Amino acid sequence: YPVYSPKKSRYKIRRKLLARGIPTGVYYPVPVYCQPFFRGAHDSCPVTYEILSGIFALPMYADITPAIQRRVVAALKKMF
């Protein structure tokens, strides 16, 4: 599940979650308009890079259990 955190804290949050056994991911590090197929089709979008640098994904998959969901929520609550 994608969430946003200011870029300076994304790394810290991800590291703390991993220390609690909760993996996270960064799935879209490059904007679509910068992919090879679209290269040169658009001007740069500085806000896009700012937002992308703060997005990461919490665990989300078809068979995630309520217990795992509670564990993720509890870890986030403890951090904030």
PDB file of N, CA and C in Angstrom:
ATOM      1  N   TYR A   1       0.841  -1.161   0.000  1.00  0.00           N
ATOM      2  CA  TYR A   1       0.000   0.000   0.000  1.00  0.00           C
ATOM      3  C   TYR A   1       0.888   1.227   0.000  1.00  0.00           C
ATOM      4  N   PRO A   2       0.843   2.052  -1.049  1.00  0.00           N
ATOM      5  CA  PRO A   2       1.724   3.225  -1.124  1.00  0.00           C
ATOM      6  C   PRO A   2       1.334   4.307  -0.116  1.00  0.00           C
ATOM      7  N   VAL A   3       2.325   4.853   0.530  1.00  0.00           N
ATOM      8  CA  VAL A   3       2.137   5.974   1.456  1.00  0.00           C
ATOM      9  C   VAL A   3       3.208   7.016   1.182  1.00  0.00           C
ATOM     10  N   TYR A   4       2.988   8.219   1.667  1.00  0.00           N
ATOM     11  CA  TYR A   4       3.945   9.303   1.453  1.00  0.00           C
ATOM     12  C   TYR A   4       4.479   9.807   2.787  1.00  0.00           C
ATOM     13  N   SER A   5       5.754  10.034   2.796  1.00  0.00           N
ATOM     14  CA  SER A   5       6.416  10.655   3.934  1.00  0.00           C
ATOM     15  C   SER A   5       7.439  11.623   3.359  1.00  0.00           C
ATOM     16  N   PRO A   6       7.669  12.735   4.007  1.00  0.00           N
ATOM     17  CA  PRO A   6       8.698  13.643   3.496  1.00  0.00           C
ATOM     18  C   PRO A   6       9.996  12.876   3.245  1.00  0.00           C
ATOM     19  N   LYS A   7      10.678  13.245   2.173  1.00  0.00           N
ATOM     20  CA  LYS A   7      11.843  12.467   1.730  1.00  0.00           C
ATOM     21  C   LYS A   7      12.909  12.274   2.795  1.00  0.00           C
ATOM     22  N   LYS A   8      13.043  13.203   3.700  1.00  0.00           N
ATOM     23  CA  LYS A   8      14.082  13.059   4.717  1.00  0.00           C
ATOM     24  C   LYS A   8      13.759  11.981   5.735  1.00  0.00           C
ATOM     25  N   SER A   9      12.486  11.623   5.847  1.00  0.00           N
ATOM     26  CA  SER A   9      12.142  10.620   6.854  1.00  0.00           C
ATOM     27  C   SER A   9      11.802   9.255   6.263  1.00  0.00           C
ATOM     28  N   ARG A  10      11.654   9.152   4.944  1.00  0.00           N
ATOM     29  CA  ARG A  10      11.288   7.871   4.341  1.00  0.00           C
ATOM     30  C   ARG A  10      12.292   6.781   4.702  1.00  0.00           C
ATOM     31  N   TYR A  11      13.551   7.074   4.542  1.00  0.00           N
ATOM     32  CA  TYR A  11      14.584   6.079   4.839  1.00  0.00           C
ATOM     33  C   TYR A  11      14.514   5.650   6.305  1.00  0.00           C
ATOM     34  N   LYS A  12      14.344   6.608   7.193  1.00  0.00           N
ATOM     35  CA  LYS A  12      14.285   6.317   8.629  1.00  0.00           C
ATOM     36  C   LYS A  12      13.078   5.442   8.960  1.00  0.00           C
ATOM     37  N   ILE A  13      11.935   5.776   8.407  1.00  0.00           N
ATOM     38  CA  ILE A  13      10.718   4.993   8.651  1.00  0.00           C
ATOM     39  C   ILE A  13      10.887   3.577   8.126  1.00  0.00           C
ATOM     40  N   ARG A  14      11.380   3.441   6.910  1.00  0.00           N
ATOM     41  CA  ARG A  14      11.567   2.112   6.319  1.00  0.00           C
ATOM     42  C   ARG A  14      12.544   1.282   7.143  1.00  0.00           C
ATOM     43  N   ARG A  15      13.610   1.904   7.611  1.00  0.00           N
ATOM     44  CA  ARG A  15      14.612   1.189   8.411  1.00  0.00           C
ATOM     45  C   ARG A  15      14.007   0.703   9.726  1.00  0.00           C
ATOM     46  N   LYS A  16      13.218   1.551  10.377  1.00  0.00           N
ATOM     47  CA  LYS A  16      12.596   1.166  11.648  1.00  0.00           C
ATOM     48  C   LYS A  16      11.571   0.054  11.452  1.00  0.00           C
ATOM     49  N   LEU A  17      10.800   0.120  10.379  1.00  0.00           N
ATOM     50  CA  LEU A  17       9.835  -0.943  10.107  1.00  0.00           C
ATOM     51  C   LEU A  17      10.551  -2.267   9.827  1.00  0.00           C
ATOM     52  N   LEU A  18      11.614  -2.217   9.058  1.00  0.00           N
ATOM     53  CA  LEU A  18      12.366  -3.440   8.756  1.00  0.00           C
ATOM     54  C   LEU A  18      12.950  -4.041  10.031  1.00  0.00           C
ATOM     55  N   ALA A  19      13.393  -3.194  10.947  1.00  0.00           N
ATOM     56  CA  ALA A  19      13.926  -3.685  12.221  1.00  0.00           C
ATOM     57  C   ALA A  19      12.844  -4.414  13.020  1.00  0.00           C
ATOM     58  N   ARG A  20      11.583  -4.078  12.748  1.00  0.00           N
ATOM     59  CA  ARG A  20      10.457  -4.755  13.411  1.00  0.00           C
ATOM     60  C   ARG A  20       9.914  -5.914  12.562  1.00  0.00           C
ATOM     61  N   GLY A  21      10.662  -6.269  11.513  1.00  0.00           N
ATOM     62  CA  GLY A  21      10.263  -7.396  10.671  1.00  0.00           C
ATOM     63  C   GLY A  21       9.187  -7.065   9.653  1.00  0.00           C
ATOM     64  N   ILE A  22       9.025  -5.791   9.351  1.00  0.00           N
ATOM     65  CA  ILE A  22       8.007  -5.369   8.388  1.00  0.00           C
ATOM     66  C   ILE A  22       8.711  -4.814   7.148  1.00  0.00           C
ATOM     67  N   PRO A  23       8.669  -5.564   6.051  1.00  0.00           N
ATOM     68  CA  PRO A  23       9.322  -5.095   4.828  1.00  0.00           C
ATOM     69  C   PRO A  23       8.514  -3.990   4.147  1.00  0.00           C
ATOM     70  N   THR A  24       9.203  -3.111   3.467  1.00  0.00           N
ATOM     71  CA  THR A  24       8.564  -2.064   2.669  1.00  0.00           C
ATOM     72  C   THR A  24       9.242  -2.077   1.305  1.00  0.00           C
ATOM     73  N   GLY A  25       8.719  -1.308   0.398  1.00  0.00           N
ATOM     74  CA  GLY A  25       9.324  -1.259  -0.926  1.00  0.00           C
ATOM     75  C   GLY A  25       9.198   0.112  -1.546  1.00  0.00           C
ATOM     76  N   VAL A  26      10.045   0.360  -2.534  1.00  0.00           N
ATOM     77  CA  VAL A  26       9.963   1.563  -3.357  1.00  0.00           C
ATOM     78  C   VAL A  26       9.815   1.031  -4.778  1.00  0.00           C
ATOM     79  N   TYR A  27       8.603   1.112  -5.301  1.00  0.00           N
ATOM     80  CA  TYR A  27       8.308   0.451  -6.568  1.00  0.00           C
ATOM     81  C   TYR A  27       8.374   1.337  -7.791  1.00  0.00           C
ATOM     82  N   TYR A  28       8.282   2.621  -7.618  1.00  0.00           N
ATOM     83  CA  TYR A  28       8.294   3.524  -8.768  1.00  0.00           C
ATOM     84  C   TYR A  28       9.305   4.648  -8.554  1.00  0.00           C
ATOM     85  N   PRO A  29      10.588   4.335  -8.621  1.00  0.00           N
ATOM     86  CA  PRO A  29      11.600   5.356  -8.349  1.00  0.00           C
ATOM     87  C   PRO A  29      11.806   6.347  -9.497  1.00  0.00           C
ATOM     88  N   VAL A  30      11.299   6.021 -10.686  1.00  0.00           N
ATOM     89  CA  VAL A  30      11.480   6.882 -11.856  1.00  0.00           C
ATOM     90  C   VAL A  30      10.099   7.239 -12.414  1.00  0.00           C
ATOM     91  N   PRO A  31       9.832   8.516 -12.643  1.00  0.00           N
ATOM     92  CA  PRO A  31       8.532   8.910 -13.183  1.00  0.00           C
ATOM     93  C   PRO A  31       8.266   8.253 -14.542  1.00  0.00           C
ATOM     94  N   VAL A  32       7.015   8.027 -14.830  1.00  0.00           N
ATOM     95  CA  VAL A  32       6.645   7.403 -16.102  1.00  0.00           C
ATOM     96  C   VAL A  32       7.190   8.195 -17.282  1.00  0.00           C
ATOM     97  N   TYR A  33       7.088   9.518 -17.223  1.00  0.00           N
ATOM     98  CA  TYR A  33       7.523  10.315 -18.357  1.00  0.00           C
ATOM     99  C   TYR A  33       9.044  10.260 -18.580  1.00  0.00           C
ATOM    100  N   CYS A  34       9.787   9.678 -17.639  1.00  0.00           N
ATOM    101  CA  CYS A  34      11.236   9.517 -17.806  1.00  0.00           C
ATOM    102  C   CYS A  34      11.616   8.105 -18.266  1.00  0.00           C
ATOM    103  N   GLN A  35      10.639   7.236 -18.415  1.00  0.00           N
ATOM    104  CA  GLN A  35      10.917   5.894 -18.916  1.00  0.00           C
ATOM    105  C   GLN A  35      11.369   6.012 -20.374  1.00  0.00           C
ATOM    106  N   PRO A  36      12.165   5.071 -20.861  1.00  0.00           N
ATOM    107  CA  PRO A  36      12.711   5.161 -22.223  1.00  0.00           C
ATOM    108  C   PRO A  36      11.664   5.448 -23.306  1.00  0.00           C
ATOM    109  N   PHE A  37      10.517   4.840 -23.223  1.00  0.00           N
ATOM    110  CA  PHE A  37       9.504   5.035 -24.262  1.00  0.00           C
ATOM    111  C   PHE A  37       9.029   6.480 -24.343  1.00  0.00           C
ATOM    112  N   PHE A  38       8.934   7.163 -23.191  1.00  0.00           N
ATOM    113  CA  PHE A  38       8.405   8.519 -23.144  1.00  0.00           C
ATOM    114  C   PHE A  38       9.475   9.602 -23.121  1.00  0.00           C
ATOM    115  N   ARG A  39      10.728   9.216 -23.024  1.00  0.00           N
ATOM    116  CA  ARG A  39      11.811  10.186 -22.881  1.00  0.00           C
ATOM    117  C   ARG A  39      11.716  11.285 -23.942  1.00  0.00           C
ATOM    118  N   GLY A  40      11.780  12.510 -23.505  1.00  0.00           N
ATOM    119  CA  GLY A  40      11.733  13.650 -24.409  1.00  0.00           C
ATOM    120  C   GLY A  40      10.323  14.092 -24.754  1.00  0.00           C
ATOM    121  N   ALA A  41       9.322  13.363 -24.311  1.00  0.00           N
ATOM    122  CA  ALA A  41       7.946  13.698 -24.654  1.00  0.00           C
ATOM    123  C   ALA A  41       7.386  14.811 -23.757  1.00  0.00           C
ATOM    124  N   HIS A  42       7.976  15.008 -22.588  1.00  0.00           N
ATOM    125  CA  HIS A  42       7.440  15.989 -21.638  1.00  0.00           C
ATOM    126  C   HIS A  42       8.574  16.797 -21.021  1.00  0.00           C
ATOM    127  N   ASP A  43       8.213  17.952 -20.524  1.00  0.00           N
ATOM    128  CA  ASP A  43       9.170  18.753 -19.770  1.00  0.00           C
ATOM    129  C   ASP A  43       9.353  18.129 -18.394  1.00  0.00           C
ATOM    130  N   SER A  44      10.376  18.572 -17.698  1.00  0.00           N
ATOM    131  CA  SER A  44      10.601  18.035 -16.360  1.00  0.00           C
ATOM    132  C   SER A  44       9.498  18.519 -15.414  1.00  0.00           C
ATOM    133  N   CYS A  45       9.261  17.726 -14.407  1.00  0.00           N
ATOM    134  CA  CYS A  45       8.241  18.031 -13.409  1.00  0.00           C
ATOM    135  C   CYS A  45       8.893  17.933 -12.039  1.00  0.00           C
ATOM    136  N   PRO A  46       9.443  19.023 -11.519  1.00  0.00           N
ATOM    137  CA  PRO A  46      10.186  18.961 -10.262  1.00  0.00           C
ATOM    138  C   PRO A  46       9.369  18.459  -9.075  1.00  0.00           C
ATOM    139  N   VAL A  47       8.084  18.746  -9.042  1.00  0.00           N
ATOM    140  CA  VAL A  47       7.259  18.294  -7.926  1.00  0.00           C
ATOM    141  C   VAL A  47       7.147  16.767  -7.951  1.00  0.00           C
ATOM    142  N   THR A  48       7.128  16.203  -9.145  1.00  0.00           N
ATOM    143  CA  THR A  48       7.065  14.746  -9.283  1.00  0.00           C
ATOM    144  C   THR A  48       8.234  14.096  -8.560  1.00  0.00           C
ATOM    145  N   TYR A  49       9.431  14.605  -8.765  1.00  0.00           N
ATOM    146  CA  TYR A  49      10.600  14.024  -8.104  1.00  0.00           C
ATOM    147  C   TYR A  49      10.535  14.199  -6.590  1.00  0.00           C
ATOM    148  N   GLU A  50      10.010  15.312  -6.152  1.00  0.00           N
ATOM    149  CA  GLU A  50       9.882  15.540  -4.706  1.00  0.00           C
ATOM    150  C   GLU A  50       8.927  14.513  -4.091  1.00  0.00           C
ATOM    151  N   ILE A  51       7.799  14.296  -4.748  1.00  0.00           N
ATOM    152  CA  ILE A  51       6.822  13.330  -4.249  1.00  0.00           C
ATOM    153  C   ILE A  51       7.376  11.913  -4.332  1.00  0.00           C
ATOM    154  N   LEU A  52       7.979  11.571  -5.462  1.00  0.00           N
ATOM    155  CA  LEU A  52       8.534  10.221  -5.624  1.00  0.00           C
ATOM    156  C   LEU A  52       9.575   9.898  -4.564  1.00  0.00           C
ATOM    157  N   SER A  53      10.316  10.873  -4.137  1.00  0.00           N
ATOM    158  CA  SER A  53      11.366  10.609  -3.154  1.00  0.00           C
ATOM    159  C   SER A  53      10.798  10.319  -1.761  1.00  0.00           C
ATOM    160  N   GLY A  54       9.493  10.543  -1.579  1.00  0.00           N
ATOM    161  CA  GLY A  54       8.891  10.285  -0.278  1.00  0.00           C
ATOM    162  C   GLY A  54       7.919   9.119  -0.255  1.00  0.00           C
ATOM    163  N   ILE A  55       7.677   8.501  -1.416  1.00  0.00           N
ATOM    164  CA  ILE A  55       6.699   7.411  -1.479  1.00  0.00           C
ATOM    165  C   ILE A  55       7.373   6.072  -1.218  1.00  0.00           C
ATOM    166  N   PHE A  56       6.711   5.257  -0.411  1.00  0.00           N
ATOM    167  CA  PHE A  56       7.141   3.870  -0.218  1.00  0.00           C
ATOM    168  C   PHE A  56       5.893   3.039   0.033  1.00  0.00           C
ATOM    169  N   ALA A  57       6.036   1.738  -0.073  1.00  0.00           N
ATOM    170  CA  ALA A  57       4.871   0.865   0.045  1.00  0.00           C
ATOM    171  C   ALA A  57       4.935   0.003   1.292  1.00  0.00           C
ATOM    172  N   LEU A  58       3.808  -0.028   1.982  1.00  0.00           N
ATOM    173  CA  LEU A  58       3.632  -0.926   3.123  1.00  0.00           C
ATOM    174  C   LEU A  58       3.177  -2.284   2.583  1.00  0.00           C
ATOM    175  N   PRO A  59       3.306  -3.335   3.372  1.00  0.00           N
ATOM    176  CA  PRO A  59       2.872  -4.652   2.903  1.00  0.00           C
ATOM    177  C   PRO A  59       1.390  -4.660   2.516  1.00  0.00           C
ATOM    178  N   MET A  60       1.125  -5.193   1.337  1.00  0.00           N
ATOM    179  CA  MET A  60      -0.249  -5.356   0.856  1.00  0.00           C
ATOM    180  C   MET A  60      -0.234  -6.456  -0.194  1.00  0.00           C
ATOM    181  N   TYR A  61      -0.971  -7.488   0.061  1.00  0.00           N
ATOM    182  CA  TYR A  61      -1.055  -8.590  -0.889  1.00  0.00           C
ATOM    183  C   TYR A  61      -2.340  -9.361  -0.628  1.00  0.00           C
ATOM    184  N   ALA A  62      -2.719 -10.198  -1.555  1.00  0.00           N
ATOM    185  CA  ALA A  62      -4.030 -10.860  -1.526  1.00  0.00           C
ATOM    186  C   ALA A  62      -4.295 -11.645  -0.243  1.00  0.00           C
ATOM    187  N   ASP A  63      -3.302 -12.337   0.273  1.00  0.00           N
ATOM    188  CA  ASP A  63      -3.548 -13.182   1.443  1.00  0.00           C
ATOM    189  C   ASP A  63      -2.960 -12.628   2.742  1.00  0.00           C
ATOM    190  N   ILE A  64      -2.829 -11.304   2.819  1.00  0.00           N
ATOM    191  CA  ILE A  64      -2.342 -10.708   4.064  1.00  0.00           C
ATOM    192  C   ILE A  64      -3.393 -10.949   5.162  1.00  0.00           C
ATOM    193  N   THR A  65      -2.926 -11.372   6.289  1.00  0.00           N
ATOM    194  CA  THR A  65      -3.852 -11.713   7.374  1.00  0.00           C
ATOM    195  C   THR A  65      -4.170 -10.489   8.235  1.00  0.00           C
ATOM    196  N   PRO A  66      -5.287 -10.527   8.922  1.00  0.00           N
ATOM    197  CA  PRO A  66      -5.607  -9.438   9.850  1.00  0.00           C
ATOM    198  C   PRO A  66      -4.516  -9.257  10.916  1.00  0.00           C
ATOM    199  N   ALA A  67      -3.884 -10.350  11.329  1.00  0.00           N
ATOM    200  CA  ALA A  67      -2.820 -10.258  12.340  1.00  0.00           C
ATOM    201  C   ALA A  67      -1.628  -9.466  11.803  1.00  0.00           C
ATOM    202  N   ILE A  68      -1.263  -9.696  10.559  1.00  0.00           N
ATOM    203  CA  ILE A  68      -0.144  -8.941   9.962  1.00  0.00           C
ATOM    204  C   ILE A  68      -0.549  -7.481   9.800  1.00  0.00           C
ATOM    205  N   GLN A  69      -1.755  -7.238   9.391  1.00  0.00           N
ATOM    206  CA  GLN A  69      -2.234  -5.856   9.262  1.00  0.00           C
ATOM    207  C   GLN A  69      -2.150  -5.129  10.604  1.00  0.00           C
ATOM    208  N   ARG A  70      -2.588  -5.792  11.656  1.00  0.00           N
ATOM    209  CA  ARG A  70      -2.523  -5.178  12.992  1.00  0.00           C
ATOM    210  C   ARG A  70      -1.077  -4.908  13.399  1.00  0.00           C
ATOM    211  N   ARG A  71      -0.172  -5.830  13.055  1.00  0.00           N
ATOM    212  CA  ARG A  71       1.243  -5.651  13.390  1.00  0.00           C
ATOM    213  C   ARG A  71       1.827  -4.426  12.693  1.00  0.00           C
ATOM    214  N   VAL A  72       1.482  -4.239  11.418  1.00  0.00           N
ATOM    215  CA  VAL A  72       1.961  -3.072  10.676  1.00  0.00           C
ATOM    216  C   VAL A  72       1.409  -1.792  11.298  1.00  0.00           C
ATOM    217  N   VAL A  73       0.128  -1.785  11.572  1.00  0.00           N
ATOM    218  CA  VAL A  73      -0.505  -0.595  12.173  1.00  0.00           C
ATOM    219  C   VAL A  73       0.098  -0.294  13.539  1.00  0.00           C
ATOM    220  N   ALA A  74       0.301  -1.328  14.338  1.00  0.00           N
ATOM    221  CA  ALA A  74       0.881  -1.126  15.678  1.00  0.00           C
ATOM    222  C   ALA A  74       2.286  -0.544  15.582  1.00  0.00           C
ATOM    223  N   ALA A  75       3.077  -1.030  14.643  1.00  0.00           N
ATOM    224  CA  ALA A  75       4.440  -0.512  14.476  1.00  0.00           C
ATOM    225  C   ALA A  75       4.412   0.956  14.054  1.00  0.00           C
ATOM    226  N   LEU A  76       3.529   1.299  13.146  1.00  0.00           N
ATOM    227  CA  LEU A  76       3.418   2.704  12.709  1.00  0.00           C
ATOM    228  C   LEU A  76       2.940   3.598  13.855  1.00  0.00           C
ATOM    229  N   LYS A  77       1.958   3.135  14.613  1.00  0.00           N
ATOM    230  CA  LYS A  77       1.465   3.918  15.762  1.00  0.00           C
ATOM    231  C   LYS A  77       2.582   4.164  16.767  1.00  0.00           C
ATOM    232  N   LYS A  78       3.376   3.131  17.015  1.00  0.00           N
ATOM    233  CA  LYS A  78       4.476   3.252  17.979  1.00  0.00           C
ATOM    234  C   LYS A  78       5.501   4.300  17.512  1.00  0.00           C
ATOM    235  N   MET A  79       5.740   4.352  16.221  1.00  0.00           N
ATOM    236  CA  MET A  79       6.715   5.291  15.665  1.00  0.00           C
ATOM    237  C   MET A  79       6.209   6.725  15.694  1.00  0.00           C
ATOM    238  N   PHE A  80       4.914   6.905  15.565  1.00  0.00           N
ATOM    239  CA  PHE A  80       4.360   8.255  15.507  1.00  0.00           C
ATOM    240  C   PHE A  80       3.596   8.611  16.748  1.00  0.00           C
TER     241      PHE A  80
END
